[in-house]
Amino acid sequence: MAAAGLAIGRVLTLLKPEYPDISISKIRFLEAEGLLTPDRAPSGFRRYSKADIERLRYILSAQKNNYLPLKVIRENLELIDQGMEPTPVEPVEPPRAAPPEPAPSLGGQRPPVHLTREELMERSELPEATLIELEWQGIIRPRRGTSYYGWEALTLAVVAVKLMALGIEARQLRVVKAAADREVELIQSSTAGYGRRPEMARQATLEIATYVVQAHAALVQVGLDHA
């Protein structure tokens, strides 16, 4: 069935009703991790066989119903490939993400958060595949120059979990990031004239950023009121 397999868009349509958080980027991530190896048509496009789709369904089910990390899923798939039965795992209740820590004002004292990758996933209960997708999009990043994650990363991870429970996929957060990137550009351009006065530039940046965030929240509310 390799030559007559389904294109990735058809696979997405087929599995979306059962797994609403599936996306093309997630499927390709699983391929990059070696969990899926679809054939290629002469044109170079991926073609997914029935076996590929069942394998993908197993992976998605293990994540959705059992919250298994990719490491365990990979080990189970290796057993299946060898004709062996993976260790059965009982379904578990969906995790309840802890609410985000109170958001401090811009430039205020932030909670001392210094998390490893594993600690970030544990505290936020964000699945590894979703974390990697958010990292690809540049939404969640370690602190500059380190491999540790701070308060902002934890907040974003917890918010992502809560939004997924409401039907908003991780990839859709690109809209939020795009808006934030434009606001950062506005703030930076507004403070570019301070030159060698770093302290004044810092104070102006924090003040402008505070007002921009307030304006953003107000405009979102206005848009919803007039929708």
N, C-alpha and C. Protein backbone atom coordinates (compact mmCIF):
# COMPACT_ATOMS: atom_id res chain seq x y z
N MET A 1 0.83 -1.21 0.00
CA MET A 1 0.00 0.00 0.00
C MET A 1 0.86 1.25 0.00
N ALA A 2 2.18 1.06 -0.06
CA ALA A 2 3.08 2.21 0.04
C ALA A 2 2.79 3.25 -1.02
N ALA A 3 2.63 2.78 -2.28
CA ALA A 3 2.42 3.73 -3.37
C ALA A 3 1.05 4.36 -3.30
N ALA A 4 0.06 3.61 -2.73
CA ALA A 4 -1.31 4.11 -2.68
C ALA A 4 -1.66 4.64 -1.31
N GLY A 5 -0.67 4.91 -0.48
CA GLY A 5 -0.93 5.39 0.87
C GLY A 5 -1.54 6.78 0.86
N LEU A 6 -1.90 7.24 2.04
CA LEU A 6 -2.55 8.54 2.18
C LEU A 6 -1.53 9.66 2.35
N ALA A 7 -1.87 10.83 1.84
CA ALA A 7 -1.06 12.01 2.07
C ALA A 7 -1.26 12.48 3.51
N ILE A 8 -0.34 13.31 4.00
CA ILE A 8 -0.38 13.71 5.40
C ILE A 8 -1.66 14.48 5.73
N GLY A 9 -2.18 15.26 4.76
CA GLY A 9 -3.42 15.98 5.01
C GLY A 9 -4.60 15.06 5.23
N ARG A 10 -4.63 13.95 4.48
CA ARG A 10 -5.71 12.96 4.64
C ARG A 10 -5.59 12.26 5.98
N VAL A 11 -4.35 11.99 6.38
CA VAL A 11 -4.13 11.36 7.69
C VAL A 11 -4.63 12.28 8.80
N LEU A 12 -4.34 13.55 8.67
CA LEU A 12 -4.78 14.53 9.65
C LEU A 12 -6.30 14.56 9.74
N THR A 13 -6.96 14.58 8.58
CA THR A 13 -8.43 14.58 8.55
C THR A 13 -9.00 13.31 9.17
N LEU A 14 -8.34 12.19 8.92
CA LEU A 14 -8.81 10.90 9.43
C LEU A 14 -8.73 10.82 10.96
N LEU A 15 -7.65 11.35 11.54
CA LEU A 15 -7.43 11.19 12.97
C LEU A 15 -7.90 12.37 13.82
N LYS A 16 -8.16 13.49 13.19
CA LYS A 16 -8.52 14.70 13.93
C LYS A 16 -9.74 14.53 14.83
N PRO A 17 -10.81 13.85 14.40
CA PRO A 17 -11.97 13.71 15.29
C PRO A 17 -11.64 12.98 16.58
N GLU A 18 -10.74 12.01 16.51
CA GLU A 18 -10.38 11.23 17.69
C GLU A 18 -9.28 11.89 18.51
N TYR A 19 -8.38 12.60 17.80
CA TYR A 19 -7.25 13.24 18.48
C TYR A 19 -7.19 14.71 18.04
N PRO A 20 -7.99 15.57 18.68
CA PRO A 20 -8.10 16.97 18.23
C PRO A 20 -6.80 17.76 18.24
N ASP A 21 -5.84 17.35 19.08
CA ASP A 21 -4.61 18.13 19.17
C ASP A 21 -3.55 17.70 18.16
N ILE A 22 -3.89 16.76 17.27
CA ILE A 22 -2.93 16.34 16.25
C ILE A 22 -2.71 17.47 15.25
N SER A 23 -1.49 17.57 14.75
CA SER A 23 -1.15 18.60 13.76
C SER A 23 -0.08 18.04 12.83
N ILE A 24 0.10 18.68 11.70
CA ILE A 24 1.13 18.25 10.77
C ILE A 24 2.50 18.34 11.42
N SER A 25 2.73 19.40 12.19
CA SER A 25 4.03 19.55 12.84
C SER A 25 4.26 18.44 13.85
N LYS A 26 3.21 17.98 14.53
CA LYS A 26 3.37 16.90 15.49
C LYS A 26 3.71 15.59 14.78
N ILE A 27 3.03 15.33 13.65
CA ILE A 27 3.32 14.10 12.90
C ILE A 27 4.76 14.12 12.41
N ARG A 28 5.20 15.26 11.89
CA ARG A 28 6.57 15.34 11.40
C ARG A 28 7.59 15.27 12.52
N PHE A 29 7.22 15.78 13.70
CA PHE A 29 8.10 15.63 14.85
C PHE A 29 8.27 14.15 15.20
N LEU A 30 7.18 13.39 15.18
CA LEU A 30 7.26 11.96 15.48
C LEU A 30 8.12 11.24 14.45
N GLU A 31 8.05 11.69 13.21
CA GLU A 31 8.92 11.12 12.17
C GLU A 31 10.38 11.46 12.46
N ALA A 32 10.63 12.71 12.84
CA ALA A 32 12.00 13.12 13.13
C ALA A 32 12.58 12.34 14.29
N GLU A 33 11.71 11.92 15.22
CA GLU A 33 12.15 11.13 16.36
C GLU A 33 12.30 9.64 16.01
N GLY A 34 11.96 9.28 14.77
CA GLY A 34 12.12 7.89 14.35
C GLY A 34 10.98 6.98 14.76
N LEU A 35 9.87 7.55 15.22
CA LEU A 35 8.74 6.74 15.64
C LEU A 35 7.85 6.36 14.45
N LEU A 36 7.94 7.11 13.38
CA LEU A 36 7.19 6.85 12.15
C LEU A 36 8.15 6.91 10.98
N THR A 37 7.97 5.99 10.02
CA THR A 37 8.82 6.01 8.82
C THR A 37 7.97 5.76 7.58
N PRO A 38 7.17 6.75 7.19
CA PRO A 38 6.32 6.55 6.00
C PRO A 38 7.16 6.46 4.73
N ASP A 39 6.58 5.80 3.75
CA ASP A 39 7.25 5.71 2.45
C ASP A 39 7.14 7.03 1.71
N ARG A 40 7.93 7.16 0.66
CA ARG A 40 7.89 8.36 -0.18
C ARG A 40 7.39 7.99 -1.56
N ALA A 41 6.49 8.81 -2.08
CA ALA A 41 6.03 8.63 -3.45
C ALA A 41 7.14 9.10 -4.39
N PRO A 42 7.09 8.73 -5.68
CA PRO A 42 8.11 9.22 -6.63
C PRO A 42 8.24 10.74 -6.63
N SER A 43 7.17 11.43 -6.30
CA SER A 43 7.22 12.90 -6.25
C SER A 43 7.96 13.41 -5.02
N GLY A 44 8.23 12.52 -4.06
CA GLY A 44 8.92 12.91 -2.85
C GLY A 44 8.01 13.13 -1.66
N PHE A 45 6.70 13.16 -1.89
CA PHE A 45 5.77 13.37 -0.79
C PHE A 45 5.61 12.10 0.04
N ARG A 46 5.37 12.28 1.32
CA ARG A 46 5.16 11.15 2.22
C ARG A 46 3.83 10.48 1.91
N ARG A 47 3.83 9.15 2.00
CA ARG A 47 2.61 8.38 1.82
C ARG A 47 2.47 7.43 3.00
N TYR A 48 1.35 7.53 3.70
CA TYR A 48 1.15 6.79 4.94
C TYR A 48 0.29 5.55 4.68
N SER A 49 0.85 4.39 4.99
CA SER A 49 0.13 3.13 4.81
C SER A 49 -0.83 2.92 5.98
N LYS A 50 -1.63 1.87 5.87
CA LYS A 50 -2.54 1.52 6.96
C LYS A 50 -1.74 1.22 8.23
N ALA A 51 -0.61 0.55 8.08
CA ALA A 51 0.23 0.23 9.24
C ALA A 51 0.79 1.51 9.87
N ASP A 52 1.17 2.47 9.03
CA ASP A 52 1.67 3.75 9.55
C ASP A 52 0.61 4.45 10.37
N ILE A 53 -0.63 4.44 9.87
CA ILE A 53 -1.73 5.12 10.55
C ILE A 53 -2.05 4.45 11.87
N GLU A 54 -2.02 3.10 11.88
CA GLU A 54 -2.26 2.38 13.14
C GLU A 54 -1.15 2.66 14.14
N ARG A 55 0.08 2.77 13.66
CA ARG A 55 1.20 3.08 14.53
C ARG A 55 1.04 4.49 15.12
N LEU A 56 0.63 5.42 14.28
CA LEU A 56 0.40 6.79 14.73
C LEU A 56 -0.74 6.82 15.73
N ARG A 57 -1.78 6.05 15.46
CA ARG A 57 -2.92 5.99 16.39
C ARG A 57 -2.48 5.44 17.76
N TYR A 58 -1.59 4.45 17.74
CA TYR A 58 -1.08 3.91 19.01
C TYR A 58 -0.33 4.99 19.79
N ILE A 59 0.53 5.74 19.09
CA ILE A 59 1.32 6.79 19.75
C ILE A 59 0.41 7.84 20.35
N LEU A 60 -0.56 8.30 19.57
CA LEU A 60 -1.46 9.35 20.04
C LEU A 60 -2.31 8.87 21.21
N SER A 61 -2.74 7.61 21.14
CA SER A 61 -3.54 7.05 22.22
C SER A 61 -2.72 6.93 23.50
N ALA A 62 -1.46 6.51 23.37
CA ALA A 62 -0.60 6.38 24.54
C ALA A 62 -0.37 7.74 25.20
N GLN A 63 -0.29 8.79 24.39
CA GLN A 63 -0.12 10.13 24.94
C GLN A 63 -1.41 10.65 25.55
N LYS A 64 -2.52 10.42 24.85
CA LYS A 64 -3.79 10.99 25.28
C LYS A 64 -4.39 10.26 26.49
N ASN A 65 -4.34 8.94 26.48
CA ASN A 65 -5.01 8.15 27.51
C ASN A 65 -4.11 7.74 28.66
N ASN A 66 -2.82 7.57 28.38
CA ASN A 66 -1.91 7.09 29.41
C ASN A 66 -0.85 8.10 29.81
N TYR A 67 -0.74 9.18 29.04
CA TYR A 67 0.24 10.23 29.31
C TYR A 67 1.66 9.66 29.40
N LEU A 68 1.95 8.75 28.47
CA LEU A 68 3.27 8.14 28.45
C LEU A 68 4.27 9.09 27.80
N PRO A 69 5.46 9.21 28.34
CA PRO A 69 6.51 10.00 27.68
C PRO A 69 6.99 9.30 26.43
N LEU A 70 7.60 10.05 25.53
CA LEU A 70 8.04 9.47 24.26
C LEU A 70 9.05 8.35 24.47
N LYS A 71 9.86 8.44 25.50
CA LYS A 71 10.85 7.40 25.77
C LYS A 71 10.17 6.04 25.97
N VAL A 72 9.09 6.02 26.75
CA VAL A 72 8.37 4.78 27.01
C VAL A 72 7.64 4.31 25.75
N ILE A 73 7.05 5.27 25.01
CA ILE A 73 6.36 4.91 23.77
C ILE A 73 7.34 4.28 22.79
N ARG A 74 8.54 4.85 22.69
CA ARG A 74 9.56 4.29 21.79
C ARG A 74 9.92 2.86 22.19
N GLU A 75 10.08 2.64 23.49
CA GLU A 75 10.42 1.30 23.97
C GLU A 75 9.29 0.31 23.65
N ASN A 76 8.04 0.75 23.83
CA ASN A 76 6.91 -0.11 23.51
C ASN A 76 6.84 -0.44 22.02
N LEU A 77 7.11 0.56 21.19
CA LEU A 77 7.10 0.34 19.74
C LEU A 77 8.20 -0.64 19.33
N GLU A 78 9.34 -0.55 19.98
CA GLU A 78 10.41 -1.49 19.67
C GLU A 78 10.00 -2.92 20.01
N LEU A 79 9.27 -3.09 21.13
CA LEU A 79 8.77 -4.42 21.49
C LEU A 79 7.75 -4.90 20.45
N ILE A 80 6.87 -4.01 20.04
CA ILE A 80 5.86 -4.37 19.03
C ILE A 80 6.54 -4.77 17.72
N ASP A 81 7.58 -4.03 17.33
CA ASP A 81 8.30 -4.34 16.09
C ASP A 81 8.97 -5.72 16.16
N GLN A 82 9.28 -6.15 17.38
CA GLN A 82 9.91 -7.46 17.56
C GLN A 82 8.88 -8.57 17.76
N GLY A 83 7.60 -8.22 17.61
CA GLY A 83 6.55 -9.20 17.77
C GLY A 83 6.20 -9.48 19.21
N MET A 84 6.61 -8.60 20.12
CA MET A 84 6.34 -8.79 21.54
C MET A 84 5.26 -7.82 22.00
N GLU A 85 4.64 -8.17 23.12
CA GLU A 85 3.60 -7.31 23.68
C GLU A 85 4.22 -6.30 24.65
N PRO A 86 3.93 -5.02 24.49
CA PRO A 86 4.45 -4.04 25.46
C PRO A 86 3.78 -4.22 26.80
N THR A 87 4.41 -3.73 27.84
CA THR A 87 3.83 -3.81 29.18
C THR A 87 2.53 -3.02 29.21
N PRO A 88 1.42 -3.67 29.57
CA PRO A 88 0.14 -2.94 29.56
C PRO A 88 0.14 -1.82 30.58
N VAL A 89 -0.49 -0.73 30.20
CA VAL A 89 -0.59 0.44 31.08
C VAL A 89 -2.06 0.80 31.22
N GLU A 90 -2.52 0.90 32.44
CA GLU A 90 -3.91 1.25 32.68
C GLU A 90 -4.15 2.72 32.39
N PRO A 91 -5.32 3.05 31.79
CA PRO A 91 -5.63 4.46 31.57
C PRO A 91 -5.62 5.24 32.89
N VAL A 92 -5.21 6.47 32.83
CA VAL A 92 -5.16 7.31 34.02
C VAL A 92 -6.06 8.51 33.83
N GLU A 93 -6.39 9.14 34.94
CA GLU A 93 -7.21 10.34 34.87
C GLU A 93 -6.39 11.48 34.27
N PRO A 94 -7.02 12.36 33.47
CA PRO A 94 -6.28 13.50 32.92
C PRO A 94 -5.66 14.31 34.03
N PRO A 95 -4.43 14.76 33.84
CA PRO A 95 -3.77 15.55 34.88
C PRO A 95 -4.43 16.91 35.02
N ARG A 96 -4.40 17.42 36.21
CA ARG A 96 -4.93 18.75 36.47
C ARG A 96 -3.77 19.70 36.63
N ALA A 97 -3.61 20.56 35.66
CA ALA A 97 -2.49 21.48 35.71
C ALA A 97 -2.69 22.49 36.83
N ALA A 98 -1.62 22.76 37.54
CA ALA A 98 -1.69 23.78 38.59
C ALA A 98 -1.88 25.14 37.94
N PRO A 99 -2.61 26.04 38.60
CA PRO A 99 -2.81 27.37 38.01
C PRO A 99 -1.49 28.10 37.92
N PRO A 100 -1.36 28.99 36.94
CA PRO A 100 -0.12 29.75 36.82
C PRO A 100 0.14 30.55 38.09
N GLU A 101 1.38 30.73 38.39
CA GLU A 101 1.72 31.57 39.53
C GLU A 101 1.30 33.00 39.21
N PRO A 102 0.95 33.80 40.23
CA PRO A 102 0.49 35.17 39.97
C PRO A 102 1.49 35.92 39.11
N ALA A 103 0.98 36.56 38.09
CA ALA A 103 1.85 37.29 37.18
C ALA A 103 2.29 38.60 37.82
N PRO A 104 3.59 38.78 38.00
CA PRO A 104 4.06 40.05 38.56
C PRO A 104 3.99 41.13 37.51
N SER A 105 4.00 42.36 37.94
CA SER A 105 4.04 43.46 36.98
C SER A 105 5.37 43.44 36.26
N LEU A 106 5.39 43.99 35.07
CA LEU A 106 6.62 44.01 34.30
C LEU A 106 7.71 44.71 35.08
N GLY A 107 8.86 44.05 35.18
CA GLY A 107 9.96 44.64 35.91
C GLY A 107 9.89 44.44 37.40
N GLY A 108 8.78 43.81 37.90
CA GLY A 108 8.65 43.58 39.32
C GLY A 108 9.45 42.36 39.75
N GLN A 109 9.32 42.03 41.04
CA GLN A 109 10.05 40.90 41.59
C GLN A 109 9.36 39.61 41.17
N ARG A 110 10.07 38.78 40.43
CA ARG A 110 9.49 37.52 39.97
C ARG A 110 9.81 36.40 40.95
N PRO A 111 8.93 35.38 41.00
CA PRO A 111 9.23 34.24 41.86
C PRO A 111 10.53 33.57 41.41
N PRO A 112 11.33 33.08 42.34
CA PRO A 112 12.60 32.44 41.97
C PRO A 112 12.38 31.06 41.38
N VAL A 113 12.23 30.99 40.08
CA VAL A 113 12.00 29.72 39.39
C VAL A 113 13.23 29.41 38.55
N HIS A 114 13.77 28.21 38.74
CA HIS A 114 15.00 27.78 38.05
C HIS A 114 14.83 26.29 37.76
N LEU A 115 14.19 25.98 36.63
CA LEU A 115 13.75 24.62 36.36
C LEU A 115 14.55 23.94 35.26
N THR A 116 14.80 22.65 35.46
CA THR A 116 15.32 21.83 34.36
C THR A 116 14.17 21.52 33.42
N ARG A 117 14.49 20.93 32.30
CA ARG A 117 13.45 20.55 31.33
C ARG A 117 12.44 19.59 31.96
N GLU A 118 12.95 18.58 32.67
CA GLU A 118 12.08 17.60 33.30
C GLU A 118 11.21 18.24 34.37
N GLU A 119 11.78 19.15 35.14
CA GLU A 119 11.02 19.84 36.19
C GLU A 119 9.93 20.72 35.59
N LEU A 120 10.23 21.34 34.47
CA LEU A 120 9.22 22.18 33.79
C LEU A 120 8.03 21.33 33.37
N MET A 121 8.30 20.18 32.76
CA MET A 121 7.20 19.30 32.32
C MET A 121 6.44 18.75 33.52
N GLU A 122 7.15 18.44 34.60
CA GLU A 122 6.49 17.87 35.77
C GLU A 122 5.59 18.89 36.44
N ARG A 123 6.07 20.12 36.60
CA ARG A 123 5.28 21.14 37.30
C ARG A 123 4.10 21.62 36.46
N SER A 124 4.28 21.71 35.16
CA SER A 124 3.21 22.21 34.29
C SER A 124 2.33 21.09 33.76
N GLU A 125 2.84 19.83 33.80
CA GLU A 125 2.16 18.67 33.23
C GLU A 125 1.97 18.84 31.73
N LEU A 126 2.92 19.48 31.12
CA LEU A 126 2.92 19.66 29.67
C LEU A 126 3.57 18.44 29.02
N PRO A 127 2.89 17.79 28.04
CA PRO A 127 3.50 16.63 27.37
C PRO A 127 4.79 17.03 26.64
N GLU A 128 5.72 16.10 26.58
CA GLU A 128 7.01 16.38 25.97
C GLU A 128 6.86 16.80 24.51
N ALA A 129 5.98 16.12 23.76
CA ALA A 129 5.80 16.46 22.35
C ALA A 129 5.31 17.90 22.19
N THR A 130 4.43 18.33 23.10
CA THR A 130 3.91 19.70 23.02
C THR A 130 4.98 20.71 23.39
N LEU A 131 5.81 20.37 24.39
CA LEU A 131 6.90 21.26 24.76
C LEU A 131 7.85 21.47 23.58
N ILE A 132 8.18 20.38 22.90
CA ILE A 132 9.08 20.49 21.76
C ILE A 132 8.45 21.33 20.66
N GLU A 133 7.16 21.16 20.44
CA GLU A 133 6.47 21.96 19.42
C GLU A 133 6.51 23.44 19.79
N LEU A 134 6.30 23.76 21.05
CA LEU A 134 6.35 25.15 21.49
C LEU A 134 7.76 25.72 21.41
N GLU A 135 8.75 24.88 21.63
CA GLU A 135 10.14 25.32 21.49
C GLU A 135 10.47 25.59 20.03
N TRP A 136 9.98 24.74 19.15
CA TRP A 136 10.20 24.96 17.71
C TRP A 136 9.65 26.31 17.29
N GLN A 137 8.53 26.69 17.87
CA GLN A 137 7.90 27.95 17.51
C GLN A 137 8.53 29.14 18.23
N GLY A 138 9.47 28.88 19.14
CA GLY A 138 10.11 29.96 19.88
C GLY A 138 9.24 30.53 20.96
N ILE A 139 8.21 29.81 21.38
CA ILE A 139 7.30 30.31 22.40
C ILE A 139 7.86 30.05 23.80
N ILE A 140 8.37 28.85 24.02
CA ILE A 140 9.02 28.51 25.29
C ILE A 140 10.51 28.35 25.03
N ARG A 141 11.31 29.06 25.82
CA ARG A 141 12.76 28.99 25.66
C ARG A 141 13.43 29.00 27.03
N PRO A 142 14.59 28.37 27.15
CA PRO A 142 15.34 28.49 28.40
C PRO A 142 15.80 29.92 28.58
N ARG A 143 16.23 30.24 29.80
CA ARG A 143 16.81 31.55 30.04
C ARG A 143 18.05 31.74 29.18
N ARG A 144 18.28 32.96 28.77
CA ARG A 144 19.40 33.25 27.89
C ARG A 144 20.72 32.77 28.50
N GLY A 145 21.46 32.00 27.70
CA GLY A 145 22.77 31.53 28.12
C GLY A 145 22.76 30.36 29.08
N THR A 146 21.56 29.78 29.34
CA THR A 146 21.48 28.64 30.25
C THR A 146 20.59 27.57 29.62
N SER A 147 20.53 26.43 30.30
CA SER A 147 19.61 25.36 29.88
C SER A 147 18.43 25.26 30.83
N TYR A 148 18.26 26.29 31.69
CA TYR A 148 17.19 26.27 32.68
C TYR A 148 16.04 27.18 32.26
N TYR A 149 14.84 26.83 32.76
CA TYR A 149 13.63 27.56 32.41
C TYR A 149 13.16 28.39 33.61
N GLY A 150 12.67 29.59 33.31
CA GLY A 150 12.26 30.51 34.35
C GLY A 150 10.76 30.61 34.50
N TRP A 151 10.35 31.66 35.24
CA TRP A 151 8.94 31.88 35.53
C TRP A 151 8.11 32.01 34.26
N GLU A 152 8.64 32.73 33.27
CA GLU A 152 7.87 32.92 32.03
C GLU A 152 7.59 31.60 31.34
N ALA A 153 8.61 30.72 31.27
CA ALA A 153 8.43 29.42 30.62
C ALA A 153 7.39 28.58 31.36
N LEU A 154 7.42 28.62 32.69
CA LEU A 154 6.45 27.86 33.47
C LEU A 154 5.04 28.38 33.23
N THR A 155 4.89 29.70 33.21
CA THR A 155 3.57 30.28 32.95
C THR A 155 3.05 29.87 31.58
N LEU A 156 3.91 29.96 30.58
CA LEU A 156 3.49 29.60 29.22
C LEU A 156 3.14 28.12 29.13
N ALA A 157 3.89 27.27 29.81
CA ALA A 157 3.61 25.83 29.78
C ALA A 157 2.26 25.52 30.41
N VAL A 158 1.99 26.12 31.56
CA VAL A 158 0.71 25.88 32.25
C VAL A 158 -0.45 26.42 31.42
N VAL A 159 -0.27 27.60 30.85
CA VAL A 159 -1.32 28.18 30.00
C VAL A 159 -1.58 27.30 28.78
N ALA A 160 -0.53 26.76 28.19
CA ALA A 160 -0.68 25.88 27.03
C ALA A 160 -1.51 24.65 27.40
N VAL A 161 -1.26 24.07 28.58
CA VAL A 161 -2.04 22.91 29.03
C VAL A 161 -3.51 23.28 29.17
N LYS A 162 -3.77 24.42 29.78
CA LYS A 162 -5.16 24.85 29.98
C LYS A 162 -5.86 25.15 28.66
N LEU A 163 -5.14 25.76 27.72
CA LEU A 163 -5.74 26.07 26.42
C LEU A 163 -6.03 24.79 25.64
N MET A 164 -5.13 23.80 25.73
CA MET A 164 -5.37 22.54 25.03
C MET A 164 -6.64 21.87 25.55
N ALA A 165 -6.88 21.99 26.84
CA ALA A 165 -8.10 21.42 27.42
C ALA A 165 -9.36 22.12 26.90
N LEU A 166 -9.18 23.36 26.41
CA LEU A 166 -10.30 24.12 25.85
C LEU A 166 -10.35 24.05 24.34
N GLY A 167 -9.51 23.19 23.75
CA GLY A 167 -9.56 22.98 22.30
C GLY A 167 -8.62 23.83 21.49
N ILE A 168 -7.73 24.57 22.13
CA ILE A 168 -6.77 25.41 21.41
C ILE A 168 -5.44 24.68 21.36
N GLU A 169 -4.96 24.36 20.16
CA GLU A 169 -3.73 23.59 20.01
C GLU A 169 -2.51 24.46 20.25
N ALA A 170 -1.42 23.79 20.58
CA ALA A 170 -0.16 24.51 20.85
C ALA A 170 0.26 25.35 19.65
N ARG A 171 0.07 24.82 18.44
CA ARG A 171 0.51 25.55 17.25
C ARG A 171 -0.24 26.87 17.08
N GLN A 172 -1.45 26.95 17.65
CA GLN A 172 -2.22 28.18 17.51
C GLN A 172 -1.68 29.32 18.37
N LEU A 173 -0.79 29.01 19.30
CA LEU A 173 -0.17 30.05 20.10
C LEU A 173 0.77 30.92 19.28
N ARG A 174 1.03 30.49 18.03
CA ARG A 174 1.85 31.34 17.15
C ARG A 174 1.20 32.71 16.96
N VAL A 175 -0.12 32.75 17.00
CA VAL A 175 -0.84 34.03 16.85
C VAL A 175 -0.47 34.96 18.01
N VAL A 176 -0.43 34.41 19.21
CA VAL A 176 -0.09 35.20 20.39
C VAL A 176 1.36 35.66 20.31
N LYS A 177 2.24 34.76 19.90
CA LYS A 177 3.65 35.10 19.80
C LYS A 177 3.88 36.19 18.75
N ALA A 178 3.18 36.09 17.62
CA ALA A 178 3.34 37.10 16.57
C ALA A 178 2.95 38.48 17.08
N ALA A 179 1.87 38.54 17.84
CA ALA A 179 1.44 39.82 18.41
C ALA A 179 2.48 40.34 19.41
N ALA A 180 3.00 39.43 20.24
CA ALA A 180 4.02 39.84 21.22
C ALA A 180 5.29 40.32 20.53
N ASP A 181 5.68 39.65 19.44
CA ASP A 181 6.89 40.05 18.71
C ASP A 181 6.75 41.46 18.15
N ARG A 182 5.56 41.77 17.64
CA ARG A 182 5.34 43.13 17.10
C ARG A 182 5.36 44.17 18.22
N GLU A 183 4.84 43.81 19.38
CA GLU A 183 4.85 44.73 20.50
C GLU A 183 6.28 44.96 21.00
N VAL A 184 7.09 43.90 20.99
CA VAL A 184 8.50 44.05 21.39
C VAL A 184 9.21 45.00 20.43
N GLU A 185 8.94 44.85 19.14
CA GLU A 185 9.56 45.75 18.15
C GLU A 185 9.16 47.20 18.41
N LEU A 186 7.89 47.42 18.74
CA LEU A 186 7.42 48.77 19.05
C LEU A 186 8.14 49.34 20.26
N ILE A 187 8.27 48.53 21.30
CA ILE A 187 8.92 48.99 22.53
C ILE A 187 10.39 49.30 22.28
N GLN A 188 11.07 48.41 21.57
CA GLN A 188 12.50 48.61 21.30
C GLN A 188 12.74 49.84 20.45
N SER A 189 11.91 50.05 19.45
CA SER A 189 12.09 51.23 18.60
C SER A 189 11.80 52.52 19.36
N SER A 190 10.91 52.43 20.34
CA SER A 190 10.55 53.63 21.12
C SER A 190 11.64 54.04 22.09
N THR A 191 12.51 53.10 22.46
CA THR A 191 13.56 53.40 23.44
C THR A 191 14.94 53.45 22.79
N ALA A 192 14.99 53.39 21.47
CA ALA A 192 16.29 53.35 20.78
C ALA A 192 17.07 54.65 20.95
N GLY A 193 16.38 55.75 21.23
CA GLY A 193 17.05 57.03 21.32
C GLY A 193 17.80 57.29 22.61
N TYR A 194 17.73 56.37 23.55
CA TYR A 194 18.40 56.62 24.83
C TYR A 194 19.90 56.35 24.77
N GLY A 195 20.35 55.69 23.70
CA GLY A 195 21.77 55.51 23.47
C GLY A 195 22.52 54.94 24.65
N ARG A 196 23.45 55.77 25.20
CA ARG A 196 24.32 55.30 26.27
C ARG A 196 23.75 55.56 27.67
N ARG A 197 22.47 55.68 27.77
CA ARG A 197 21.83 55.87 29.07
C ARG A 197 21.01 54.62 29.41
N PRO A 198 21.69 53.54 29.74
CA PRO A 198 21.02 52.24 29.91
C PRO A 198 19.97 52.23 31.01
N GLU A 199 20.23 52.94 32.10
CA GLU A 199 19.25 52.92 33.20
C GLU A 199 17.96 53.62 32.78
N MET A 200 18.08 54.75 32.09
CA MET A 200 16.89 55.44 31.60
C MET A 200 16.17 54.60 30.56
N ALA A 201 16.95 53.93 29.70
CA ALA A 201 16.36 53.07 28.68
C ALA A 201 15.58 51.92 29.34
N ARG A 202 16.16 51.36 30.39
CA ARG A 202 15.50 50.26 31.09
C ARG A 202 14.19 50.72 31.71
N GLN A 203 14.20 51.87 32.39
CA GLN A 203 12.99 52.38 33.01
C GLN A 203 11.91 52.70 31.97
N ALA A 204 12.33 53.30 30.87
CA ALA A 204 11.37 53.64 29.81
C ALA A 204 10.80 52.37 29.19
N THR A 205 11.65 51.35 29.00
CA THR A 205 11.20 50.08 28.43
C THR A 205 10.13 49.44 29.30
N LEU A 206 10.38 49.40 30.62
CA LEU A 206 9.41 48.79 31.53
C LEU A 206 8.10 49.57 31.55
N GLU A 207 8.20 50.89 31.53
CA GLU A 207 6.98 51.70 31.58
C GLU A 207 6.17 51.54 30.30
N ILE A 208 6.86 51.62 29.16
CA ILE A 208 6.14 51.46 27.88
C ILE A 208 5.56 50.07 27.78
N ALA A 209 6.33 49.06 28.18
CA ALA A 209 5.85 47.68 28.09
C ALA A 209 4.59 47.48 28.93
N THR A 210 4.56 48.07 30.12
CA THR A 210 3.38 47.96 30.98
C THR A 210 2.15 48.53 30.29
N TYR A 211 2.31 49.70 29.68
CA TYR A 211 1.17 50.33 29.01
C TYR A 211 0.76 49.54 27.76
N VAL A 212 1.74 48.98 27.04
CA VAL A 212 1.42 48.19 25.85
C VAL A 212 0.63 46.94 26.23
N VAL A 213 1.04 46.28 27.31
CA VAL A 213 0.33 45.09 27.76
C VAL A 213 -1.10 45.44 28.18
N GLN A 214 -1.25 46.56 28.87
CA GLN A 214 -2.59 47.00 29.27
C GLN A 214 -3.46 47.31 28.04
N ALA A 215 -2.86 47.99 27.06
CA ALA A 215 -3.60 48.30 25.84
C ALA A 215 -3.99 47.04 25.09
N HIS A 216 -3.07 46.08 25.06
CA HIS A 216 -3.34 44.81 24.37
C HIS A 216 -4.55 44.11 25.00
N ALA A 217 -4.55 44.01 26.33
CA ALA A 217 -5.66 43.35 27.02
C ALA A 217 -6.99 44.07 26.76
N ALA A 218 -6.93 45.41 26.78
CA ALA A 218 -8.15 46.18 26.55
C ALA A 218 -8.67 46.00 25.12
N LEU A 219 -7.75 45.96 24.16
CA LEU A 219 -8.15 45.80 22.76
C LEU A 219 -8.73 44.41 22.50
N VAL A 220 -8.19 43.40 23.16
CA VAL A 220 -8.76 42.06 23.03
C VAL A 220 -10.20 42.06 23.55
N GLN A 221 -10.41 42.70 24.71
CA GLN A 221 -11.75 42.76 25.27
C GLN A 221 -12.71 43.52 24.35
N VAL A 222 -12.22 44.64 23.79
CA VAL A 222 -13.07 45.41 22.87
C VAL A 222 -13.44 44.56 21.65
N GLY A 223 -12.43 43.83 21.13
CA GLY A 223 -12.71 42.98 19.97
C GLY A 223 -13.74 41.90 20.27
N LEU A 224 -13.67 41.31 21.46
CA LEU A 224 -14.65 40.29 21.84
C LEU A 224 -16.03 40.90 22.05
N ASP A 225 -16.06 42.10 22.61
CA ASP A 225 -17.36 42.76 22.84
C ASP A 225 -18.05 43.11 21.53
N HIS A 226 -17.28 43.38 20.48
CA HIS A 226 -17.86 43.79 19.20
C HIS A 226 -17.90 42.66 18.17
N ALA A 227 -17.53 41.47 18.59
CA ALA A 227 -17.53 40.33 17.65
C ALA A 227 -18.95 39.93 17.28
